[in-house]
C-alpha cells in the first residue's frame, strides 16, 4: 500500500517522530528497525538520521512455452 509511513502533519513533526522512534529502538535494545516502502521524503529524512536505505532488485521469470519450471531448468546449459 502506497503512502506515508511516518504519519505527521509537517516535516518537523515527522523529524520528531523519527527521533522518538529511533530513541525507543535504542532504549529497547532492538537489533534492527525496518520501515518498508517509505516515501521519497521520508527515506531522505531517515537517511539523514543515520538509517541505511534498502535497495531491492526483483527478477521475474516469464514462461516461454515450457510445461513446467523443471522443463525450463532442463533446457539450460551449464555455461
PDB file of N, CA and C in Angstrom:
ATOM      1  N   UNK A   1       0.848  -1.168   0.000  1.00  0.00           N
ATOM      2  CA  UNK A   1       0.000   0.000   0.000  1.00  0.00           C
ATOM      3  C   UNK A   1       0.893   1.229   0.000  1.00  0.00           C
ATOM      4  N   UNK A   2       0.647   2.108  -0.940  1.00  0.00           N
ATOM      5  CA  UNK A   2       1.440   3.330  -1.017  1.00  0.00           C
ATOM      6  C   UNK A   2       0.963   4.334   0.022  1.00  0.00           C
ATOM      7  N   UNK A   3       1.868   5.198   0.441  1.00  0.00           N
ATOM      8  CA  UNK A   3       1.504   6.246   1.379  1.00  0.00           C
ATOM      9  C   UNK A   3       2.580   6.457   2.412  1.00  0.00           C
ATOM     10  N   UNK A   4       2.354   7.463   3.219  1.00  0.00           N
ATOM     11  CA  UNK A   4       3.327   7.830   4.252  1.00  0.00           C
ATOM     12  C   UNK A   4       3.436   6.730   5.300  1.00  0.00           C
ATOM     13  N   UNK A   5       4.630   6.575   5.837  1.00  0.00           N
ATOM     14  CA  UNK A   5       4.870   5.621   6.914  1.00  0.00           C
ATOM     15  C   UNK A   5       5.001   6.335   8.253  1.00  0.00           C
ATOM     16  N   UNK A   6       5.491   7.561   8.207  1.00  0.00           N
ATOM     17  CA  UNK A   6       5.595   8.385   9.412  1.00  0.00           C
ATOM     18  C   UNK A   6       4.476   9.431   9.333  1.00  0.00           C
ATOM     19  N   UNK A   7       3.370   9.127   9.972  1.00  0.00           N
ATOM     20  CA  UNK A   7       2.176   9.964   9.848  1.00  0.00           C
ATOM     21  C   UNK A   7       2.316  11.215  10.712  1.00  0.00           C
ATOM     22  N   UNK A   8       2.588  12.331  10.051  1.00  0.00           N
ATOM     23  CA  UNK A   8       2.764  13.607  10.737  1.00  0.00           C
ATOM     24  C   UNK A   8       2.325  14.721   9.790  1.00  0.00           C
ATOM     25  N   UNK A   9       1.974  15.850  10.359  1.00  0.00           N
ATOM     26  CA  UNK A   9       1.431  16.951   9.553  1.00  0.00           C
ATOM     27  C   UNK A   9       2.494  17.853   8.923  1.00  0.00           C
ATOM     28  N   UNK A  10       3.749  17.678   9.288  1.00  0.00           N
ATOM     29  CA  UNK A  10       4.811  18.521   8.719  1.00  0.00           C
ATOM     30  C   UNK A  10       6.141  17.777   8.770  1.00  0.00           C
ATOM     31  N   UNK A  11       7.118  18.331   8.060  1.00  0.00           N
ATOM     32  CA  UNK A  11       8.456  17.732   8.060  1.00  0.00           C
ATOM     33  C   UNK A  11       9.070  17.784   9.456  1.00  0.00           C
ATOM     34  N   UNK A  12       8.819  18.865  10.192  1.00  0.00           N
ATOM     35  CA  UNK A  12       9.354  18.971  11.561  1.00  0.00           C
ATOM     36  C   UNK A  12       8.728  17.928  12.477  1.00  0.00           C
ATOM     37  N   UNK A  13       7.429  17.729  12.341  1.00  0.00           N
ATOM     38  CA  UNK A  13       6.741  16.716  13.153  1.00  0.00           C
ATOM     39  C   UNK A  13       7.225  15.322  12.773  1.00  0.00           C
ATOM     40  N   UNK A  14       7.476  15.110  11.474  1.00  0.00           N
ATOM     41  CA  UNK A  14       7.999  13.822  11.011  1.00  0.00           C
ATOM     42  C   UNK A  14       9.391  13.580  11.589  1.00  0.00           C
ATOM     43  N   UNK A  15      10.212  14.628  11.645  1.00  0.00           N
ATOM     44  CA  UNK A  15      11.557  14.504  12.209  1.00  0.00           C
ATOM     45  C   UNK A  15      11.482  14.162  13.696  1.00  0.00           C
ATOM     46  N   UNK A  16      10.563  14.791  14.427  1.00  0.00           N
ATOM     47  CA  UNK A  16      10.398  14.487  15.854  1.00  0.00           C
ATOM     48  C   UNK A  16       9.924  13.055  16.044  1.00  0.00           C
ATOM     49  N   UNK A  17       9.007  12.611  15.197  1.00  0.00           N
ATOM     50  CA  UNK A  17       8.520  11.234  15.267  1.00  0.00           C
ATOM     51  C   UNK A  17       9.651  10.248  14.999  1.00  0.00           C
ATOM     52  N   UNK A  18      10.475  10.547  13.997  1.00  0.00           N
ATOM     53  CA  UNK A  18      11.604   9.679  13.662  1.00  0.00           C
ATOM     54  C   UNK A  18      12.615   9.648  14.812  1.00  0.00           C
ATOM     55  N   UNK A  19      12.909  10.800  15.406  1.00  0.00           N
ATOM     56  CA  UNK A  19      13.829  10.842  16.549  1.00  0.00           C
ATOM     57  C   UNK A  19      13.306   9.976  17.696  1.00  0.00           C
ATOM     58  N   UNK A  20      12.010  10.073  17.951  1.00  0.00           N
ATOM     59  CA  UNK A  20      11.403   9.274  19.022  1.00  0.00           C
ATOM     60  C   UNK A  20      11.451   7.793  18.694  1.00  0.00           C
ATOM     61  N   UNK A  21      11.161   7.461  17.459  1.00  0.00           N
ATOM     62  CA  UNK A  21      11.201   6.065  17.018  1.00  0.00           C
ATOM     63  C   UNK A  21      12.596   5.470  17.205  1.00  0.00           C
ATOM     64  N   UNK A  22      13.619   6.208  16.811  1.00  0.00           N
ATOM     65  CA  UNK A  22      14.992   5.737  16.962  1.00  0.00           C
ATOM     66  C   UNK A  22      15.392   5.640  18.440  1.00  0.00           C
ATOM     67  N   UNK A  23      14.935   6.593  19.253  1.00  0.00           N
ATOM     68  CA  UNK A  23      15.246   6.552  20.684  1.00  0.00           C
ATOM     69  C   UNK A  23      14.610   5.333  21.343  1.00  0.00           C
ATOM     70  N   UNK A  24      13.370   5.038  21.007  1.00  0.00           N
ATOM     71  CA  UNK A  24      12.686   3.862  21.572  1.00  0.00           C
ATOM     72  C   UNK A  24      13.402   2.588  21.139  1.00  0.00           C
ATOM     73  N   UNK A  25      13.830   2.529  19.869  1.00  0.00           N
ATOM     74  CA  UNK A  25      14.550   1.345  19.384  1.00  0.00           C
ATOM     75  C   UNK A  25      15.859   1.152  20.157  1.00  0.00           C
ATOM     76  N   UNK A  26      16.581   2.256  20.403  1.00  0.00           N
ATOM     77  CA  UNK A  26      17.840   2.155  21.168  1.00  0.00           C
ATOM     78  C   UNK A  26      17.577   1.733  22.614  1.00  0.00           C
ATOM     79  N   UNK A  27      16.602   2.374  23.239  1.00  0.00           N
ATOM     80  CA  UNK A  27      16.284   2.055  24.640  1.00  0.00           C
ATOM     81  C   UNK A  27      15.807   0.613  24.793  1.00  0.00           C
ATOM     82  N   UNK A  28      15.125   0.108  23.786  1.00  0.00           N
ATOM     83  CA  UNK A  28      14.626  -1.271  23.822  1.00  0.00           C
ATOM     84  C   UNK A  28      15.693  -2.272  23.410  1.00  0.00           C
ATOM     85  N   UNK A  29      16.869  -1.756  23.021  1.00  0.00           N
ATOM     86  CA  UNK A  29      17.988  -2.582  22.571  1.00  0.00           C
ATOM     87  C   UNK A  29      17.580  -3.508  21.425  1.00  0.00           C
ATOM     88  N   UNK A  30      16.809  -2.950  20.493  1.00  0.00           N
ATOM     89  CA  UNK A  30      16.412  -3.723  19.315  1.00  0.00           C
ATOM     90  C   UNK A  30      17.625  -3.955  18.419  1.00  0.00           C
ATOM     91  N   UNK A  31      17.671  -5.094  17.778  1.00  0.00           N
ATOM     92  CA  UNK A  31      18.792  -5.387  16.884  1.00  0.00           C
ATOM     93  C   UNK A  31      18.621  -4.698  15.534  1.00  0.00           C
ATOM     94  N   UNK A  32      17.388  -4.344  15.192  1.00  0.00           N
ATOM     95  CA  UNK A  32      17.162  -3.644  13.930  1.00  0.00           C
ATOM     96  C   UNK A  32      15.794  -2.967  13.948  1.00  0.00           C
ATOM     97  N   UNK A  33      15.628  -2.036  13.046  1.00  0.00           N
ATOM     98  CA  UNK A  33      14.381  -1.302  12.883  1.00  0.00           C
ATOM     99  C   UNK A  33      14.155  -1.153  11.385  1.00  0.00           C
ATOM    100  N   UNK A  34      13.015  -1.568  10.904  1.00  0.00           N
ATOM    101  CA  UNK A  34      12.731  -1.526   9.473  1.00  0.00           C
ATOM    102  C   UNK A  34      11.502  -0.680   9.203  1.00  0.00           C
ATOM    103  N   UNK A  35      11.589   0.186   8.216  1.00  0.00           N
ATOM    104  CA  UNK A  35      10.444   0.944   7.719  1.00  0.00           C
ATOM    105  C   UNK A  35      10.356   0.602   6.240  1.00  0.00           C
ATOM    106  N   UNK A  36       9.343  -0.159   5.869  1.00  0.00           N
ATOM    107  CA  UNK A  36       9.228  -0.629   4.492  1.00  0.00           C
ATOM    108  C   UNK A  36       8.481   0.364   3.614  1.00  0.00           C
ATOM    109  N   UNK A  37       8.998   0.592   2.435  1.00  0.00           N
ATOM    110  CA  UNK A  37       8.386   1.415   1.397  1.00  0.00           C
ATOM    111  C   UNK A  37       8.049   2.837   1.844  1.00  0.00           C
ATOM    112  N   UNK A  38       9.027   3.548   2.424  1.00  0.00           N
ATOM    113  CA  UNK A  38       8.756   4.944   2.790  1.00  0.00           C
ATOM    114  C   UNK A  38       8.650   5.806   1.535  1.00  0.00           C
ATOM    115  N   UNK A  39       8.040   6.971   1.683  1.00  0.00           N
ATOM    116  CA  UNK A  39       8.008   7.919   0.573  1.00  0.00           C
ATOM    117  C   UNK A  39       9.434   8.443   0.355  1.00  0.00           C
ATOM    118  N   UNK A  40       9.653   9.119  -0.737  1.00  0.00           N
ATOM    119  CA  UNK A  40      10.979   9.668  -1.046  1.00  0.00           C
ATOM    120  C   UNK A  40      11.433  10.634   0.048  1.00  0.00           C
ATOM    121  N   UNK A  41      10.535  11.522   0.493  1.00  0.00           N
ATOM    122  CA  UNK A  41      10.885  12.484   1.547  1.00  0.00           C
ATOM    123  C   UNK A  41      11.206  11.779   2.858  1.00  0.00           C
ATOM    124  N   UNK A  42      10.407  10.770   3.209  1.00  0.00           N
ATOM    125  CA  UNK A  42      10.661  10.025   4.436  1.00  0.00           C
ATOM    126  C   UNK A  42      11.996   9.294   4.362  1.00  0.00           C
ATOM    127  N   UNK A  43      12.274   8.680   3.218  1.00  0.00           N
ATOM    128  CA  UNK A  43      13.532   7.952   3.052  1.00  0.00           C
ATOM    129  C   UNK A  43      14.714   8.897   3.215  1.00  0.00           C
ATOM    130  N   UNK A  44      14.608  10.092   2.681  1.00  0.00           N
ATOM    131  CA  UNK A  44      15.692  11.061   2.808  1.00  0.00           C
ATOM    132  C   UNK A  44      15.874  11.480   4.267  1.00  0.00           C
ATOM    133  N   UNK A  45      14.770  11.691   4.976  1.00  0.00           N
ATOM    134  CA  UNK A  45      14.873  12.035   6.401  1.00  0.00           C
ATOM    135  C   UNK A  45      15.502  10.891   7.184  1.00  0.00           C
ATOM    136  N   UNK A  46      15.136   9.671   6.866  1.00  0.00           N
ATOM    137  CA  UNK A  46      15.697   8.513   7.563  1.00  0.00           C
ATOM    138  C   UNK A  46      17.193   8.378   7.274  1.00  0.00           C
ATOM    139  N   UNK A  47      17.578   8.597   6.011  1.00  0.00           N
ATOM    140  CA  UNK A  47      18.996   8.550   5.660  1.00  0.00           C
ATOM    141  C   UNK A  47      19.759   9.620   6.422  1.00  0.00           C
ATOM    142  N   UNK A  48      19.204  10.829   6.484  1.00  0.00           N
ATOM    143  CA  UNK A  48      19.855  11.933   7.192  1.00  0.00           C
ATOM    144  C   UNK A  48      19.972  11.645   8.691  1.00  0.00           C
ATOM    145  N   UNK A  49      19.058  10.821   9.219  1.00  0.00           N
ATOM    146  CA  UNK A  49      19.087  10.456  10.641  1.00  0.00           C
ATOM    147  C   UNK A  49      20.039   9.292  10.910  1.00  0.00           C
ATOM    148  N   UNK A  50      20.698   8.787   9.863  1.00  0.00           N
ATOM    149  CA  UNK A  50      21.676   7.721  10.038  1.00  0.00           C
ATOM    150  C   UNK A  50      21.176   6.332   9.708  1.00  0.00           C
ATOM    151  N   UNK A  51      19.947   6.221   9.243  1.00  0.00           N
ATOM    152  CA  UNK A  51      19.430   4.907   8.874  1.00  0.00           C
ATOM    153  C   UNK A  51      19.950   4.525   7.486  1.00  0.00           C
ATOM    154  N   UNK A  52      20.077   3.235   7.252  1.00  0.00           N
ATOM    155  CA  UNK A  52      20.511   2.743   5.948  1.00  0.00           C
ATOM    156  C   UNK A  52      19.299   2.531   5.058  1.00  0.00           C
ATOM    157  N   UNK A  53      19.452   2.844   3.788  1.00  0.00           N
ATOM    158  CA  UNK A  53      18.366   2.635   2.835  1.00  0.00           C
ATOM    159  C   UNK A  53      18.542   1.292   2.148  1.00  0.00           C
ATOM    160  N   UNK A  54      17.458   0.612   1.973  1.00  0.00           N
ATOM    161  CA  UNK A  54      17.468  -0.690   1.309  1.00  0.00           C
ATOM    162  C   UNK A  54      17.065  -0.490  -0.149  1.00  0.00           C
ATOM    163  N   UNK A  55      17.826  -1.096  -1.028  1.00  0.00           N
ATOM    164  CA  UNK A  55      17.517  -1.045  -2.451  1.00  0.00           C
ATOM    165  C   UNK A  55      17.266  -2.469  -2.908  1.00  0.00           C
ATOM    166  N   UNK A  56      16.067  -2.745  -3.348  1.00  0.00           N
ATOM    167  CA  UNK A  56      15.703  -4.100  -3.744  1.00  0.00           C
ATOM    168  C   UNK A  56      15.783  -4.311  -5.252  1.00  0.00           C
ATOM    169  N   UNK A  57      16.026  -5.544  -5.620  1.00  0.00           N
ATOM    170  CA  UNK A  57      16.046  -5.945  -7.026  1.00  0.00           C
ATOM    171  C   UNK A  57      15.177  -7.182  -7.150  1.00  0.00           C
ATOM    172  N   UNK A  58      14.335  -7.204  -8.145  1.00  0.00           N
ATOM    173  CA  UNK A  58      13.480  -8.363  -8.372  1.00  0.00           C
ATOM    174  C   UNK A  58      13.743  -8.924  -9.765  1.00  0.00           C
ATOM    175  N   UNK A  59      13.681 -10.236  -9.871  1.00  0.00           N
ATOM    176  CA  UNK A  59      13.804 -10.910 -11.147  1.00  0.00           C
ATOM    177  C   UNK A  59      12.498 -11.656 -11.392  1.00  0.00           C
ATOM    178  N   UNK A  60      11.956 -11.517 -12.567  1.00  0.00           N
ATOM    179  CA  UNK A  60      10.686 -12.162 -12.900  1.00  0.00           C
ATOM    180  C   UNK A  60      10.917 -13.153 -14.037  1.00  0.00           C
ATOM    181  N   UNK A  61      10.446 -14.374 -13.845  1.00  0.00           N
ATOM    182  CA  UNK A  61      10.564 -15.410 -14.859  1.00  0.00           C
ATOM    183  C   UNK A  61       9.306 -15.402 -15.706  1.00  0.00           C
ATOM    184  N   UNK A  62       9.482 -15.396 -17.026  1.00  0.00           N
ATOM    185  CA  UNK A  62       8.351 -15.459 -17.952  1.00  0.00           C
ATOM    186  C   UNK A  62       8.409 -16.796 -18.676  1.00  0.00           C
ATOM    187  N   UNK A  63       7.331 -17.519 -18.652  1.00  0.00           N
ATOM    188  CA  UNK A  63       7.256 -18.834 -19.276  1.00  0.00           C
ATOM    189  C   UNK A  63       7.146 -18.671 -20.789  1.00  0.00           C
ATOM    190  N   UNK A  64       8.141 -19.187 -21.501  1.00  0.00           N
ATOM    191  CA  UNK A  64       8.168 -19.110 -22.968  1.00  0.00           C
ATOM    192  C   UNK A  64       7.686 -20.430 -23.573  1.00  0.00           C
ATOM    193  N   UNK A  65       6.647 -21.022 -22.987  1.00  0.00           N
ATOM    194  CA  UNK A  65       6.083 -22.242 -23.538  1.00  0.00           C
ATOM    195  C   UNK A  65       6.533 -23.525 -22.872  1.00  0.00           C
ATOM    196  N   UNK A  66       7.263 -23.440 -21.766  1.00  0.00           N
ATOM    197  CA  UNK A  66       7.694 -24.639 -21.049  1.00  0.00           C
ATOM    198  C   UNK A  66       6.503 -25.235 -20.304  1.00  0.00           C
ATOM    199  N   UNK A  67       6.477 -26.577 -20.205  1.00  0.00           N
ATOM    200  CA  UNK A  67       5.399 -27.255 -19.496  1.00  0.00           C
ATOM    201  C   UNK A  67       5.472 -27.041 -17.993  1.00  0.00           C
ATOM    202  N   UNK A  68       6.688 -26.811 -17.485  1.00  0.00           N
ATOM    203  CA  UNK A  68       6.885 -26.591 -16.051  1.00  0.00           C
ATOM    204  C   UNK A  68       8.206 -25.854 -15.858  1.00  0.00           C
ATOM    205  N   UNK A  69       8.422 -25.414 -14.647  1.00  0.00           N
ATOM    206  CA  UNK A  69       9.688 -24.743 -14.339  1.00  0.00           C
ATOM    207  C   UNK A  69      10.843 -25.735 -14.446  1.00  0.00           C
ATOM    208  N   UNK A  70      10.593 -26.988 -14.093  1.00  0.00           N
ATOM    209  CA  UNK A  70      11.626 -28.020 -14.239  1.00  0.00           C
ATOM    210  C   UNK A  70      12.021 -28.194 -15.702  1.00  0.00           C
ATOM    211  N   UNK A  71      11.050 -28.110 -16.628  1.00  0.00           N
ATOM    212  CA  UNK A  71      11.364 -28.176 -18.062  1.00  0.00           C
ATOM    213  C   UNK A  71      12.266 -27.014 -18.466  1.00  0.00           C
ATOM    214  N   UNK A  72      11.987 -25.842 -17.936  1.00  0.00           N
ATOM    215  CA  UNK A  72      12.829 -24.679 -18.207  1.00  0.00           C
ATOM    216  C   UNK A  72      14.255 -24.929 -17.707  1.00  0.00           C
ATOM    217  N   UNK A  73      14.384 -25.415 -16.464  1.00  0.00           N
ATOM    218  CA  UNK A  73      15.709 -25.684 -15.908  1.00  0.00           C
ATOM    219  C   UNK A  73      16.470 -26.727 -16.729  1.00  0.00           C
ATOM    220  N   UNK A  74      15.757 -27.731 -17.214  1.00  0.00           N
ATOM    221  CA  UNK A  74      16.399 -28.791 -18.017  1.00  0.00           C
ATOM    222  C   UNK A  74      16.930 -28.239 -19.329  1.00  0.00           C
ATOM    223  N   UNK A  75      16.363 -27.145 -19.834  1.00  0.00           N
ATOM    224  CA  UNK A  75      16.790 -26.578 -21.097  1.00  0.00           C
ATOM    225  C   UNK A  75      18.046 -25.720 -20.948  1.00  0.00           C
ATOM    226  N   UNK A  76      18.439 -25.385 -19.742  1.00  0.00           N
ATOM    227  CA  UNK A  76      19.626 -24.543 -19.513  1.00  0.00           C
ATOM    228  C   UNK A  76      20.902 -25.342 -19.756  1.00  0.00           C
ATOM    229  N   UNK A  77      21.906 -24.648 -20.274  1.00  0.00           N
ATOM    230  CA  UNK A  77      23.214 -25.260 -20.453  1.00  0.00           C
ATOM    231  C   UNK A  77      24.091 -24.889 -19.267  1.00  0.00           C
ATOM    232  N   UNK A  78      25.086 -25.697 -18.996  1.00  0.00           N
ATOM    233  CA  UNK A  78      25.938 -25.477 -17.823  1.00  0.00           C
ATOM    234  C   UNK A  78      26.629 -24.132 -17.870  1.00  0.00           C
ATOM    235  N   UNK A  79      27.035 -23.661 -19.039  1.00  0.00           N
ATOM    236  CA  UNK A  79      27.730 -22.387 -19.154  1.00  0.00           C
ATOM    237  C   UNK A  79      26.836 -21.281 -18.675  1.00  0.00           C
TER     238      UNK A  79
END
